[in-house]
Amino acid sequence: MIRKRRLNVHDLYSEDGQFRYDGGWNLAGLLAWAIGGGAALYFMEYMYLVGFPLGFISYYVLMKVWYLNKHKQAEIESNYSDEYLGTTVGRDWDVMHQNSPASSEHAASV
C-alpha cells in the first residue's frame, strides 16, 4: 500500500541502507503495533475487528505523515519507478555485486 509493490532490494541487504531507520527500529511500526495491540486488549471481545484495522490505519498514517518524511525511500522518491518493482520476473537480484537489478541474460553469462 505504501510503496505500491516497489522495494529497494539492495538497501534491504545493506547495513546502512534506507531500512535502517532509527538504529534498526521502525518507530512508526512499533507505535502502530502498540496502538493496535492496546485497542485489542481493551476491546477483548472484538479484538480482531478492532486491533488489526486500527494497527493498519495507524501504521499507514504514521508512515505517510511522519516517518517517510524523516527517512526518505528511494522507491518512493523515484515516483514509483519500475526499477524498484518488487518482482523477480526477468530479473536477477545480485545484491552483492550490483547497484541495480540485472537482466536474466546477464545472470546466465556470469
Protein backbone atom coordinates (compact mmCIF):
# COMPACT_ATOMS: atom_id res chain seq x y z
CA MET A 1 0.00 0.00 0.00
CA ILE A 2 2.75 2.47 0.89
CA ARG A 3 5.35 1.51 -1.71
CA LYS A 4 2.96 0.29 -4.43
CA ARG A 5 4.82 -3.04 -4.89
CA ARG A 6 8.19 -1.27 -5.14
CA LEU A 7 11.13 -2.30 -2.97
CA ASN A 8 14.74 -1.18 -2.86
CA VAL A 9 16.19 -4.71 -2.69
CA HIS A 10 19.81 -3.59 -2.50
CA ASP A 11 19.22 -1.38 0.55
CA LEU A 12 17.25 -4.19 2.15
CA TYR A 13 20.52 -6.15 2.42
CA SER A 14 22.73 -3.17 3.29
CA GLU A 15 23.60 -2.48 6.94
CA ASP A 16 23.45 1.27 6.35
CA GLY A 17 20.61 1.25 3.80
CA GLN A 18 17.34 3.13 3.86
CA PHE A 19 15.64 0.47 6.00
CA ARG A 20 17.99 1.14 8.92
CA TYR A 21 15.60 3.82 10.21
CA ASP A 22 16.48 4.78 13.83
CA GLY A 23 19.16 2.36 14.94
CA GLY A 24 17.41 -0.52 13.19
CA TRP A 25 13.99 0.26 14.66
CA ASN A 26 10.96 1.43 12.71
CA LEU A 27 9.28 3.59 15.34
CA ALA A 28 6.13 4.00 13.24
CA GLY A 29 5.74 0.21 13.18
CA LEU A 30 6.28 -0.08 16.93
CA LEU A 31 3.78 2.68 17.67
CA ALA A 32 1.18 1.14 15.34
CA TRP A 33 1.73 -2.25 16.98
CA ALA A 34 1.21 -0.71 20.43
CA ILE A 35 -1.91 1.20 19.32
CA GLY A 36 -3.50 -1.83 17.63
CA GLY A 37 -2.47 -4.21 20.41
CA GLY A 38 -3.64 -1.86 23.14
CA ALA A 39 -7.02 -1.41 21.46
CA ALA A 40 -7.33 -5.19 21.01
CA LEU A 41 -6.69 -5.73 24.72
CA TYR A 42 -9.17 -3.05 25.69
CA PHE A 43 -11.90 -4.42 23.38
CA MET A 44 -11.16 -8.08 24.12
CA GLU A 45 -14.45 -9.40 22.72
CA TYR A 46 -13.87 -7.67 19.39
CA MET A 47 -10.08 -7.76 19.33
CA TYR A 48 -9.72 -8.87 15.69
CA LEU A 49 -12.30 -6.39 14.47
CA VAL A 50 -10.64 -3.50 16.33
CA GLY A 51 -6.93 -4.29 16.72
CA PHE A 52 -5.94 -5.21 13.18
CA PRO A 53 -7.72 -2.37 11.34
CA LEU A 54 -6.59 0.20 13.91
CA GLY A 55 -2.99 -1.05 13.74
CA PHE A 56 -3.06 -1.00 9.93
CA ILE A 57 -4.53 2.51 9.74
CA SER A 58 -2.11 3.77 12.42
CA TYR A 59 0.88 2.35 10.55
CA TYR A 60 -0.23 3.79 7.22
CA VAL A 61 -0.84 7.27 8.63
CA LEU A 62 2.35 7.32 10.73
CA MET A 63 4.46 6.21 7.77
CA LYS A 64 2.93 8.65 5.27
CA VAL A 65 2.76 11.70 7.53
CA TRP A 66 5.82 11.28 9.74
CA TYR A 67 8.31 8.51 9.07
CA LEU A 68 8.69 8.66 5.28
CA ASN A 69 9.38 12.38 5.55
CA LYS A 70 12.09 11.66 8.12
CA HIS A 71 13.60 8.64 6.30
CA LYS A 72 13.48 9.06 2.53
CA GLN A 73 12.82 5.91 0.49
CA ALA A 74 14.38 5.59 -2.98
CA GLU A 75 11.43 3.73 -4.49
CA ILE A 76 9.00 6.45 -3.39
CA GLU A 77 11.31 9.36 -4.26
CA SER A 78 11.70 7.91 -7.79
CA ASN A 79 7.94 8.32 -8.26
CA TYR A 80 7.48 4.53 -8.03
CA SER A 81 9.90 3.71 -10.85
CA ASP A 82 9.74 0.22 -12.35
CA GLU A 83 13.43 -0.11 -11.43
CA TYR A 84 12.20 -0.94 -7.91
CA LEU A 85 9.25 -3.11 -8.93
CA GLY A 86 9.05 -5.91 -6.38
CA THR A 87 9.02 -8.85 -8.76
CA THR A 88 11.66 -11.31 -9.85
CA VAL A 89 10.32 -11.97 -13.33
CA GLY A 90 13.18 -11.36 -15.77
CA ARG A 91 15.49 -10.06 -13.02
CA ASP A 92 18.45 -11.34 -11.08
CA TRP A 93 18.81 -9.59 -7.74
CA ASP A 94 22.55 -9.94 -7.24
CA VAL A 95 22.76 -7.70 -4.19
CA MET A 96 26.42 -8.39 -3.52
CA HIS A 97 27.84 -7.09 -6.81
CA GLN A 98 25.41 -4.67 -8.43
CA ASN A 99 23.57 -1.46 -7.68
CA SER A 100 20.50 -2.21 -9.80
CA PRO A 101 18.59 -5.30 -10.93
CA ALA A 102 20.23 -7.21 -13.75
CA SER A 103 18.50 -8.99 -16.57
CA SER A 104 18.34 -12.76 -16.61
CA GLU A 105 20.68 -12.85 -19.64
CA HIS A 106 23.42 -11.16 -17.62
CA ALA A 107 22.91 -13.63 -14.77
CA ALA A 108 23.26 -16.56 -17.17
CA SER A 109 26.54 -15.21 -18.52
CA VAL A 110 28.09 -14.77 -15.06
